[in-house]
């Protein structure tokens, strides 16, 4: 039997290989992608962290704002389960707090970085401080949670505790009243 690859031209081989690669890739990507609101929320928070690592507080604030919207949507979706909704409400407040802190950083830079910070910067930090305290109270230990949701609540609570320290430090550094 003749080799079928000899009949196909070089361009034909390339097209066949690309088509096969395309169909194989779309099939594997479809199985490996994580979909859903929780995955999108996690993606947005990771994107915000990457943006902060790249020194872009404005972009990070926008991503955290979107993550807060996803958390609010998840809290509404799980409104029938009070403890689950409470975790996502806590996440929303934490993400809003981070959004305000990142906006304060961006505003401080835009204003020239002069100390003491402007009232707009201090106002954003006050909102961040209020939000993180609310998040901390929402994320108090809840014995009704199990599995991945309990892990998420523990992680969010630890992040809220860390952000309490970060925001207090920013308020002191920016010389806010």
N, C-alpha and C. Protein backbone atom coordinates (compact mmCIF):
# COMPACT_ATOMS: atom_id res chain seq x y z
N UNK A 1 0.85 -1.18 0.00
CA UNK A 1 0.00 0.00 0.00
C UNK A 1 0.89 1.23 0.00
N UNK A 2 0.47 2.21 -0.75
CA UNK A 2 1.25 3.44 -0.89
C UNK A 2 1.10 4.30 0.36
N UNK A 3 2.13 5.06 0.63
CA UNK A 3 2.11 5.97 1.77
C UNK A 3 1.18 7.15 1.47
N UNK A 4 0.14 7.38 2.27
CA UNK A 4 -0.80 8.47 1.98
C UNK A 4 -0.16 9.84 2.11
N UNK A 5 0.92 9.97 2.86
CA UNK A 5 1.56 11.28 3.01
C UNK A 5 2.28 11.72 1.73
N UNK A 6 2.63 10.77 0.84
CA UNK A 6 3.29 11.13 -0.42
C UNK A 6 2.33 11.79 -1.39
N UNK A 7 1.09 11.45 -1.29
CA UNK A 7 0.09 12.00 -2.20
C UNK A 7 -0.23 13.45 -1.82
N UNK A 8 -0.21 13.76 -0.56
CA UNK A 8 -0.56 15.10 -0.09
C UNK A 8 0.66 16.00 -0.23
N UNK A 9 0.46 17.21 -0.74
CA UNK A 9 1.55 18.16 -0.91
C UNK A 9 1.99 18.69 0.44
N UNK A 10 3.06 19.47 0.44
CA UNK A 10 3.58 20.04 1.68
C UNK A 10 2.55 20.96 2.33
N UNK A 11 1.88 21.78 1.52
CA UNK A 11 0.85 22.67 2.07
C UNK A 11 -0.33 21.84 2.60
N UNK A 12 -0.65 20.81 1.91
CA UNK A 12 -1.75 19.94 2.34
C UNK A 12 -1.43 19.29 3.68
N UNK A 13 -0.17 18.84 3.83
CA UNK A 13 0.23 18.24 5.10
C UNK A 13 0.11 19.25 6.25
N UNK A 14 0.55 20.45 5.98
CA UNK A 14 0.48 21.50 7.01
C UNK A 14 -0.96 21.77 7.40
N UNK A 15 -1.84 21.81 6.43
CA UNK A 15 -3.26 22.07 6.72
C UNK A 15 -3.85 20.92 7.54
N UNK A 16 -3.53 19.69 7.16
CA UNK A 16 -4.05 18.54 7.90
C UNK A 16 -3.52 18.55 9.33
N UNK A 17 -2.24 18.84 9.51
CA UNK A 17 -1.66 18.87 10.85
C UNK A 17 -2.27 19.99 11.69
N UNK A 18 -2.43 21.17 11.09
CA UNK A 18 -3.02 22.28 11.83
C UNK A 18 -4.48 21.99 12.20
N UNK A 19 -5.22 21.41 11.28
CA UNK A 19 -6.61 21.07 11.57
C UNK A 19 -6.69 20.05 12.70
N UNK A 20 -5.83 19.04 12.65
CA UNK A 20 -5.81 18.04 13.72
C UNK A 20 -5.42 18.65 15.05
N UNK A 21 -4.42 19.54 15.01
CA UNK A 21 -4.00 20.22 16.23
C UNK A 21 -5.12 21.08 16.78
N UNK A 22 -5.83 21.78 15.89
CA UNK A 22 -6.95 22.63 16.31
C UNK A 22 -8.03 21.80 17.00
N UNK A 23 -8.43 20.72 16.37
CA UNK A 23 -9.49 19.90 16.96
C UNK A 23 -9.04 19.23 18.26
N UNK A 24 -7.78 18.80 18.32
CA UNK A 24 -7.27 18.20 19.55
C UNK A 24 -7.21 19.26 20.65
N UNK A 25 -6.75 20.47 20.31
CA UNK A 25 -6.61 21.54 21.29
C UNK A 25 -7.97 21.97 21.83
N UNK A 26 -8.96 22.17 20.97
CA UNK A 26 -10.27 22.60 21.47
C UNK A 26 -10.89 21.52 22.34
N UNK A 27 -10.62 20.27 22.02
CA UNK A 27 -11.17 19.19 22.84
C UNK A 27 -10.52 19.17 24.22
N UNK A 28 -9.19 19.29 24.29
CA UNK A 28 -8.52 19.24 25.59
C UNK A 28 -8.77 20.49 26.40
N UNK A 29 -8.84 21.66 25.77
CA UNK A 29 -9.10 22.90 26.51
C UNK A 29 -10.49 22.85 27.12
N UNK A 30 -11.45 22.33 26.39
CA UNK A 30 -12.80 22.24 26.91
C UNK A 30 -12.87 21.42 28.19
N UNK A 31 -12.05 20.39 28.29
CA UNK A 31 -12.05 19.56 29.50
C UNK A 31 -11.23 20.17 30.62
N UNK A 32 -10.18 20.92 30.28
CA UNK A 32 -9.29 21.38 31.33
C UNK A 32 -9.67 22.74 31.89
N UNK A 33 -10.50 23.50 31.23
CA UNK A 33 -10.86 24.80 31.75
C UNK A 33 -11.82 24.68 32.93
N UNK A 34 -11.60 25.54 33.91
CA UNK A 34 -12.50 25.60 35.05
C UNK A 34 -13.49 26.72 34.76
N UNK A 35 -14.75 26.41 34.86
CA UNK A 35 -15.76 27.42 34.56
C UNK A 35 -16.63 27.64 35.79
N UNK A 36 -17.29 28.77 35.78
CA UNK A 36 -18.20 29.08 36.86
C UNK A 36 -17.84 30.39 37.52
N UNK A 37 -18.76 30.86 38.33
CA UNK A 37 -18.59 32.15 38.98
C UNK A 37 -17.46 32.13 40.00
N UNK A 38 -17.31 31.05 40.75
CA UNK A 38 -16.23 30.98 41.73
C UNK A 38 -14.87 31.00 41.05
N UNK A 39 -14.74 30.29 39.95
CA UNK A 39 -13.48 30.29 39.21
C UNK A 39 -13.19 31.67 38.64
N UNK A 40 -14.21 32.36 38.17
CA UNK A 40 -14.02 33.72 37.64
C UNK A 40 -13.61 34.67 38.76
N UNK A 41 -14.21 34.53 39.92
CA UNK A 41 -13.84 35.36 41.06
C UNK A 41 -12.38 35.12 41.43
N UNK A 42 -11.97 33.87 41.48
CA UNK A 42 -10.58 33.54 41.79
C UNK A 42 -9.63 34.07 40.73
N UNK A 43 -10.04 33.99 39.47
CA UNK A 43 -9.21 34.51 38.38
C UNK A 43 -9.02 36.01 38.50
N UNK A 44 -10.09 36.72 38.86
CA UNK A 44 -10.01 38.17 38.99
C UNK A 44 -9.13 38.59 40.16
N UNK A 45 -9.20 37.85 41.27
CA UNK A 45 -8.33 38.20 42.41
C UNK A 45 -6.86 37.91 42.07
N UNK A 46 -6.62 36.82 41.36
CA UNK A 46 -5.24 36.52 40.93
C UNK A 46 -4.74 37.57 39.95
N UNK A 47 -5.62 38.03 39.09
CA UNK A 47 -5.24 39.09 38.13
C UNK A 47 -4.89 40.37 38.88
N UNK A 48 -5.66 40.70 39.92
CA UNK A 48 -5.37 41.90 40.71
C UNK A 48 -4.01 41.79 41.39
N UNK A 49 -3.69 40.61 41.91
CA UNK A 49 -2.39 40.41 42.53
C UNK A 49 -1.27 40.56 41.52
N UNK A 50 -1.48 40.03 40.32
CA UNK A 50 -0.48 40.18 39.26
C UNK A 50 -0.30 41.65 38.88
N UNK A 51 -1.40 42.38 38.79
CA UNK A 51 -1.32 43.79 38.45
C UNK A 51 -0.58 44.58 39.53
N UNK A 52 -0.81 44.24 40.79
CA UNK A 52 -0.07 44.92 41.85
C UNK A 52 1.41 44.55 41.80
N UNK A 53 1.71 43.31 41.47
CA UNK A 53 3.11 42.90 41.33
C UNK A 53 3.78 43.67 40.19
N UNK A 54 2.99 44.06 39.19
CA UNK A 54 3.50 44.84 38.07
C UNK A 54 3.31 46.34 38.29
N UNK A 55 3.03 46.74 39.53
CA UNK A 55 2.94 48.15 39.92
C UNK A 55 1.83 48.89 39.19
N UNK A 56 0.65 48.29 39.14
CA UNK A 56 -0.52 48.90 38.51
C UNK A 56 -1.71 48.88 39.48
N UNK A 57 -1.73 49.82 40.46
CA UNK A 57 -2.82 49.80 41.43
C UNK A 57 -4.18 50.12 40.83
N UNK A 58 -4.23 50.92 39.78
CA UNK A 58 -5.52 51.23 39.15
C UNK A 58 -6.13 49.98 38.52
N UNK A 59 -5.33 49.24 37.78
CA UNK A 59 -5.80 47.99 37.19
C UNK A 59 -6.19 46.97 38.25
N UNK A 60 -5.41 46.92 39.33
CA UNK A 60 -5.72 46.00 40.43
C UNK A 60 -7.04 46.38 41.09
N UNK A 61 -7.28 47.67 41.24
CA UNK A 61 -8.55 48.12 41.84
C UNK A 61 -9.73 47.71 40.97
N UNK A 62 -9.57 47.83 39.67
CA UNK A 62 -10.66 47.43 38.77
C UNK A 62 -10.91 45.93 38.85
N UNK A 63 -9.87 45.13 38.90
CA UNK A 63 -10.04 43.68 39.00
C UNK A 63 -10.67 43.29 40.32
N UNK A 64 -10.26 43.94 41.40
CA UNK A 64 -10.86 43.62 42.70
C UNK A 64 -12.31 44.06 42.75
N UNK A 65 -12.64 45.16 42.09
CA UNK A 65 -14.04 45.57 42.01
C UNK A 65 -14.89 44.54 41.29
N UNK A 66 -14.34 44.00 40.22
CA UNK A 66 -15.06 42.94 39.49
C UNK A 66 -15.18 41.67 40.32
N UNK A 67 -14.12 41.34 41.06
CA UNK A 67 -14.18 40.17 41.94
C UNK A 67 -15.23 40.36 43.02
N UNK A 68 -15.35 41.59 43.52
CA UNK A 68 -16.38 41.88 44.52
C UNK A 68 -17.78 41.70 43.93
N UNK A 69 -17.95 42.11 42.68
CA UNK A 69 -19.24 41.90 42.01
C UNK A 69 -19.55 40.41 41.87
N UNK A 70 -18.54 39.61 41.53
CA UNK A 70 -18.75 38.16 41.42
C UNK A 70 -19.10 37.56 42.77
N UNK A 71 -18.45 38.04 43.83
CA UNK A 71 -18.75 37.53 45.17
C UNK A 71 -20.18 37.89 45.56
N UNK A 72 -20.60 39.09 45.21
CA UNK A 72 -21.99 39.50 45.51
C UNK A 72 -22.97 38.62 44.75
N UNK A 73 -22.65 38.33 43.49
CA UNK A 73 -23.50 37.46 42.68
C UNK A 73 -23.57 36.06 43.30
N UNK A 74 -22.46 35.55 43.77
CA UNK A 74 -22.44 34.23 44.41
C UNK A 74 -23.23 34.24 45.72
N UNK A 75 -23.13 35.32 46.49
CA UNK A 75 -23.89 35.42 47.73
C UNK A 75 -25.39 35.42 47.44
N UNK A 76 -25.78 36.11 46.38
CA UNK A 76 -27.19 36.14 45.99
C UNK A 76 -27.65 34.77 45.51
N UNK A 77 -26.78 34.10 44.75
CA UNK A 77 -27.10 32.78 44.23
C UNK A 77 -27.30 31.76 45.36
N UNK A 78 -26.52 31.90 46.43
CA UNK A 78 -26.58 30.95 47.55
C UNK A 78 -27.38 31.52 48.72
N UNK A 79 -28.35 32.36 48.41
CA UNK A 79 -29.14 33.02 49.45
C UNK A 79 -29.92 32.02 50.30
N UNK A 80 -30.20 30.84 49.76
CA UNK A 80 -30.95 29.83 50.51
C UNK A 80 -30.12 29.19 51.62
N UNK A 81 -28.81 29.18 51.48
CA UNK A 81 -27.91 28.63 52.51
C UNK A 81 -27.20 29.80 53.19
N UNK A 82 -27.64 30.13 54.40
CA UNK A 82 -27.16 31.33 55.09
C UNK A 82 -25.64 31.33 55.30
N UNK A 83 -25.07 30.21 55.71
CA UNK A 83 -23.64 30.18 55.99
C UNK A 83 -22.82 30.32 54.71
N UNK A 84 -23.29 29.76 53.61
CA UNK A 84 -22.59 29.90 52.33
C UNK A 84 -22.68 31.34 51.85
N UNK A 85 -23.86 31.91 51.92
CA UNK A 85 -24.04 33.31 51.51
C UNK A 85 -23.16 34.23 52.35
N UNK A 86 -23.02 33.93 53.62
CA UNK A 86 -22.22 34.76 54.52
C UNK A 86 -20.74 34.74 54.12
N UNK A 87 -20.25 33.60 53.68
CA UNK A 87 -18.85 33.52 53.22
C UNK A 87 -18.64 34.42 52.01
N UNK A 88 -19.56 34.37 51.07
CA UNK A 88 -19.40 35.21 49.87
C UNK A 88 -19.66 36.68 50.16
N UNK A 89 -20.51 36.98 51.14
CA UNK A 89 -20.67 38.38 51.55
C UNK A 89 -19.38 38.89 52.19
N UNK A 90 -18.74 38.04 52.98
CA UNK A 90 -17.45 38.41 53.55
C UNK A 90 -16.40 38.62 52.48
N UNK A 91 -16.42 37.75 51.47
CA UNK A 91 -15.48 37.91 50.35
C UNK A 91 -15.74 39.22 49.62
N UNK A 92 -17.00 39.55 49.41
CA UNK A 92 -17.34 40.81 48.75
C UNK A 92 -16.78 42.00 49.52
N UNK A 93 -16.98 42.00 50.84
CA UNK A 93 -16.50 43.11 51.66
C UNK A 93 -14.97 43.18 51.67
N UNK A 94 -14.31 42.03 51.72
CA UNK A 94 -12.85 42.00 51.67
C UNK A 94 -12.36 42.55 50.34
N UNK A 95 -12.97 42.12 49.25
CA UNK A 95 -12.53 42.58 47.93
C UNK A 95 -12.81 44.06 47.75
N UNK A 96 -13.92 44.57 48.27
CA UNK A 96 -14.21 46.00 48.20
C UNK A 96 -13.16 46.78 49.01
N UNK A 97 -12.78 46.23 50.14
CA UNK A 97 -11.76 46.86 50.96
C UNK A 97 -10.43 46.95 50.20
N UNK A 98 -10.07 45.85 49.55
CA UNK A 98 -8.84 45.85 48.75
C UNK A 98 -8.95 46.83 47.59
N UNK A 99 -10.12 46.89 46.97
CA UNK A 99 -10.33 47.83 45.87
C UNK A 99 -10.09 49.26 46.35
N UNK A 100 -10.65 49.62 47.50
CA UNK A 100 -10.48 50.98 48.03
C UNK A 100 -9.01 51.26 48.37
N UNK A 101 -8.31 50.28 48.92
CA UNK A 101 -6.90 50.47 49.26
C UNK A 101 -6.07 50.68 47.99
N UNK A 102 -6.34 49.89 46.96
CA UNK A 102 -5.61 50.05 45.70
C UNK A 102 -5.93 51.40 45.05
N UNK A 103 -7.17 51.83 45.14
CA UNK A 103 -7.54 53.14 44.60
C UNK A 103 -6.83 54.26 45.37
N UNK A 104 -6.69 54.08 46.67
CA UNK A 104 -5.97 55.07 47.47
C UNK A 104 -4.51 55.16 47.01
N UNK A 105 -3.90 54.01 46.76
CA UNK A 105 -2.52 54.01 46.27
C UNK A 105 -2.40 54.76 44.94
N UNK A 106 -3.32 54.45 44.04
CA UNK A 106 -3.29 55.09 42.72
C UNK A 106 -3.51 56.59 42.83
N UNK A 107 -4.45 57.00 43.67
CA UNK A 107 -4.74 58.42 43.85
C UNK A 107 -3.55 59.14 44.48
N UNK A 108 -2.91 58.50 45.43
CA UNK A 108 -1.74 59.10 46.08
C UNK A 108 -0.63 59.34 45.06
N UNK A 109 -0.41 58.37 44.19
CA UNK A 109 0.61 58.54 43.14
C UNK A 109 0.24 59.65 42.18
N UNK A 110 -1.03 59.63 41.76
CA UNK A 110 -1.49 60.63 40.80
C UNK A 110 -1.38 62.05 41.37
N UNK A 111 -1.54 62.16 42.68
CA UNK A 111 -1.46 63.47 43.34
C UNK A 111 -0.02 63.90 43.59
N UNK A 112 0.94 63.10 43.22
CA UNK A 112 2.34 63.48 43.35
C UNK A 112 3.06 62.85 44.52
N UNK A 113 2.37 62.09 45.33
CA UNK A 113 3.02 61.39 46.44
C UNK A 113 3.44 62.28 47.59
N UNK A 114 2.81 63.43 47.73
CA UNK A 114 3.16 64.36 48.80
C UNK A 114 2.44 63.99 50.09
N UNK A 115 3.19 64.02 51.20
CA UNK A 115 2.62 63.75 52.52
C UNK A 115 2.29 65.07 53.20
N UNK A 116 1.27 65.12 54.00
CA UNK A 116 0.26 64.11 54.25
C UNK A 116 -0.63 63.93 53.02
N UNK A 117 -1.23 62.77 52.92
CA UNK A 117 -2.06 62.43 51.77
C UNK A 117 -3.31 63.30 51.75
N UNK A 118 -3.89 63.39 50.57
CA UNK A 118 -5.09 64.21 50.41
C UNK A 118 -6.28 63.58 51.12
N UNK A 119 -7.34 64.35 51.25
CA UNK A 119 -8.54 63.83 51.91
C UNK A 119 -9.17 62.71 51.09
N UNK A 120 -9.01 62.73 49.78
CA UNK A 120 -9.53 61.65 48.94
C UNK A 120 -8.83 60.33 49.21
N UNK A 121 -7.51 60.38 49.36
CA UNK A 121 -6.74 59.18 49.68
C UNK A 121 -7.14 58.66 51.06
N UNK A 122 -7.21 59.57 52.03
CA UNK A 122 -7.57 59.16 53.39
C UNK A 122 -9.01 58.65 53.45
N UNK A 123 -9.89 59.24 52.65
CA UNK A 123 -11.27 58.76 52.60
C UNK A 123 -11.35 57.36 52.04
N UNK A 124 -10.57 57.08 51.00
CA UNK A 124 -10.55 55.73 50.43
C UNK A 124 -10.01 54.73 51.44
N UNK A 125 -9.00 55.13 52.20
CA UNK A 125 -8.45 54.24 53.21
C UNK A 125 -9.43 54.03 54.36
N UNK A 126 -10.21 55.05 54.69
CA UNK A 126 -11.24 54.88 55.72
C UNK A 126 -12.30 53.88 55.25
N UNK A 127 -12.68 53.97 53.98
CA UNK A 127 -13.63 52.99 53.43
C UNK A 127 -13.04 51.59 53.44
N UNK A 128 -11.75 51.49 53.10
CA UNK A 128 -11.06 50.19 53.11
C UNK A 128 -11.04 49.62 54.52
N UNK A 129 -10.76 50.46 55.50
CA UNK A 129 -10.71 50.01 56.89
C UNK A 129 -12.08 49.55 57.37
N UNK A 130 -13.10 50.29 57.04
CA UNK A 130 -14.46 49.90 57.41
C UNK A 130 -14.85 48.58 56.75
N UNK A 131 -14.51 48.45 55.48
CA UNK A 131 -14.85 47.23 54.74
C UNK A 131 -14.16 45.99 55.28
N UNK A 132 -12.90 46.12 55.63
CA UNK A 132 -12.16 44.95 56.13
C UNK A 132 -12.67 44.55 57.52
N UNK A 133 -13.08 45.52 58.32
CA UNK A 133 -13.66 45.17 59.62
C UNK A 133 -14.98 44.43 59.44
N UNK A 134 -15.79 44.89 58.47
CA UNK A 134 -17.05 44.21 58.19
C UNK A 134 -16.79 42.79 57.66
N UNK A 135 -15.81 42.66 56.80
CA UNK A 135 -15.45 41.34 56.26
C UNK A 135 -15.01 40.40 57.38
N UNK A 136 -14.22 40.91 58.31
CA UNK A 136 -13.75 40.11 59.43
C UNK A 136 -14.92 39.59 60.26
N UNK A 137 -15.89 40.46 60.50
CA UNK A 137 -17.04 40.02 61.30
C UNK A 137 -17.89 39.00 60.54
N UNK A 138 -18.01 39.15 59.23
CA UNK A 138 -18.78 38.17 58.44
C UNK A 138 -18.09 36.82 58.35
N UNK A 139 -16.77 36.83 58.41
CA UNK A 139 -16.00 35.61 58.22
C UNK A 139 -15.58 34.94 59.52
N UNK A 140 -16.25 35.30 60.61
CA UNK A 140 -15.97 34.66 61.89
C UNK A 140 -16.14 33.15 61.72
N UNK A 141 -15.51 32.41 62.60
CA UNK A 141 -15.60 30.94 62.52
C UNK A 141 -17.06 30.50 62.48
N UNK A 142 -17.33 29.62 61.53
CA UNK A 142 -18.68 29.09 61.37
C UNK A 142 -18.58 27.57 61.31
N UNK A 143 -19.13 26.90 62.30
CA UNK A 143 -19.04 25.45 62.39
C UNK A 143 -19.88 24.72 61.37
N UNK A 144 -20.78 25.41 60.68
CA UNK A 144 -21.67 24.75 59.71
C UNK A 144 -20.99 24.46 58.38
N UNK A 145 -19.83 25.02 58.16
CA UNK A 145 -19.16 24.87 56.86
C UNK A 145 -18.31 23.61 56.83
N UNK A 146 -18.28 22.97 55.65
CA UNK A 146 -17.45 21.79 55.46
C UNK A 146 -16.79 21.84 54.08
N UNK A 147 -15.76 21.08 53.92
CA UNK A 147 -15.12 20.90 52.62
C UNK A 147 -14.49 22.16 52.07
N UNK A 148 -14.58 22.33 50.76
CA UNK A 148 -13.93 23.46 50.10
C UNK A 148 -14.43 24.83 50.58
N UNK A 149 -15.70 24.91 50.95
CA UNK A 149 -16.24 26.18 51.42
C UNK A 149 -15.61 26.57 52.77
N UNK A 150 -15.38 25.60 53.63
CA UNK A 150 -14.71 25.88 54.91
C UNK A 150 -13.28 26.35 54.68
N UNK A 151 -12.60 25.73 53.71
CA UNK A 151 -11.24 26.14 53.36
C UNK A 151 -11.24 27.56 52.81
N UNK A 152 -12.22 27.87 51.94
CA UNK A 152 -12.32 29.21 51.37
C UNK A 152 -12.55 30.23 52.49
N UNK A 153 -13.44 29.91 53.43
CA UNK A 153 -13.73 30.83 54.53
C UNK A 153 -12.48 31.07 55.38
N UNK A 154 -11.72 30.03 55.65
CA UNK A 154 -10.49 30.15 56.44
C UNK A 154 -9.47 31.02 55.71
N UNK A 155 -9.32 30.80 54.41
CA UNK A 155 -8.39 31.58 53.61
C UNK A 155 -8.80 33.04 53.56
N UNK A 156 -10.09 33.29 53.36
CA UNK A 156 -10.59 34.67 53.32
C UNK A 156 -10.40 35.36 54.66
N UNK A 157 -10.64 34.63 55.75
CA UNK A 157 -10.47 35.21 57.08
C UNK A 157 -9.01 35.59 57.32
N UNK A 158 -8.09 34.73 56.93
CA UNK A 158 -6.66 35.03 57.08
C UNK A 158 -6.28 36.25 56.24
N UNK A 159 -6.83 36.34 55.02
CA UNK A 159 -6.56 37.50 54.17
C UNK A 159 -7.12 38.77 54.80
N UNK A 160 -8.30 38.68 55.39
CA UNK A 160 -8.90 39.85 56.04
C UNK A 160 -8.05 40.29 57.23
N UNK A 161 -7.53 39.34 57.99
CA UNK A 161 -6.65 39.69 59.10
C UNK A 161 -5.38 40.38 58.61
N UNK A 162 -4.82 39.87 57.52
CA UNK A 162 -3.62 40.49 56.94
C UNK A 162 -3.93 41.89 56.43
N UNK A 163 -5.08 42.04 55.77
CA UNK A 163 -5.44 43.35 55.23
C UNK A 163 -5.73 44.36 56.31
N UNK A 164 -6.18 43.93 57.46
CA UNK A 164 -6.37 44.86 58.58
C UNK A 164 -5.04 45.52 58.93
N UNK A 165 -3.98 44.72 58.96
CA UNK A 165 -2.64 45.24 59.25
C UNK A 165 -2.14 46.13 58.13
N UNK A 166 -2.34 45.71 56.88
CA UNK A 166 -1.88 46.48 55.73
C UNK A 166 -2.55 47.85 55.69
N UNK A 167 -3.84 47.88 55.89
CA UNK A 167 -4.57 49.15 55.82
C UNK A 167 -4.16 50.08 56.97
N UNK A 168 -3.99 49.52 58.16
CA UNK A 168 -3.53 50.34 59.29
C UNK A 168 -2.16 50.94 58.98
N UNK A 169 -1.30 50.15 58.36
CA UNK A 169 0.02 50.62 57.98
C UNK A 169 -0.07 51.73 56.93
N UNK A 170 -0.95 51.55 55.96
CA UNK A 170 -1.10 52.58 54.92
C UNK A 170 -1.63 53.88 55.51
N UNK A 171 -2.56 53.78 56.45
CA UNK A 171 -3.11 54.98 57.09
C UNK A 171 -1.99 55.72 57.82
N UNK A 172 -1.14 54.98 58.51
CA UNK A 172 -0.01 55.61 59.21
C UNK A 172 1.01 56.19 58.22
N UNK A 173 1.34 55.43 57.18
CA UNK A 173 2.33 55.89 56.20
C UNK A 173 1.87 57.14 55.45
N UNK A 174 0.60 57.20 55.12
CA UNK A 174 0.06 58.33 54.38
C UNK A 174 -0.33 59.50 55.29
N UNK A 175 -0.10 59.32 56.59
CA UNK A 175 -0.36 60.36 57.59
C UNK A 175 -1.82 60.82 57.57
N UNK A 176 -2.71 59.84 57.53
CA UNK A 176 -4.12 60.16 57.55
C UNK A 176 -4.58 60.30 59.00
N UNK A 177 -5.53 61.21 59.23
CA UNK A 177 -6.01 61.39 60.61
C UNK A 177 -6.82 60.19 61.09
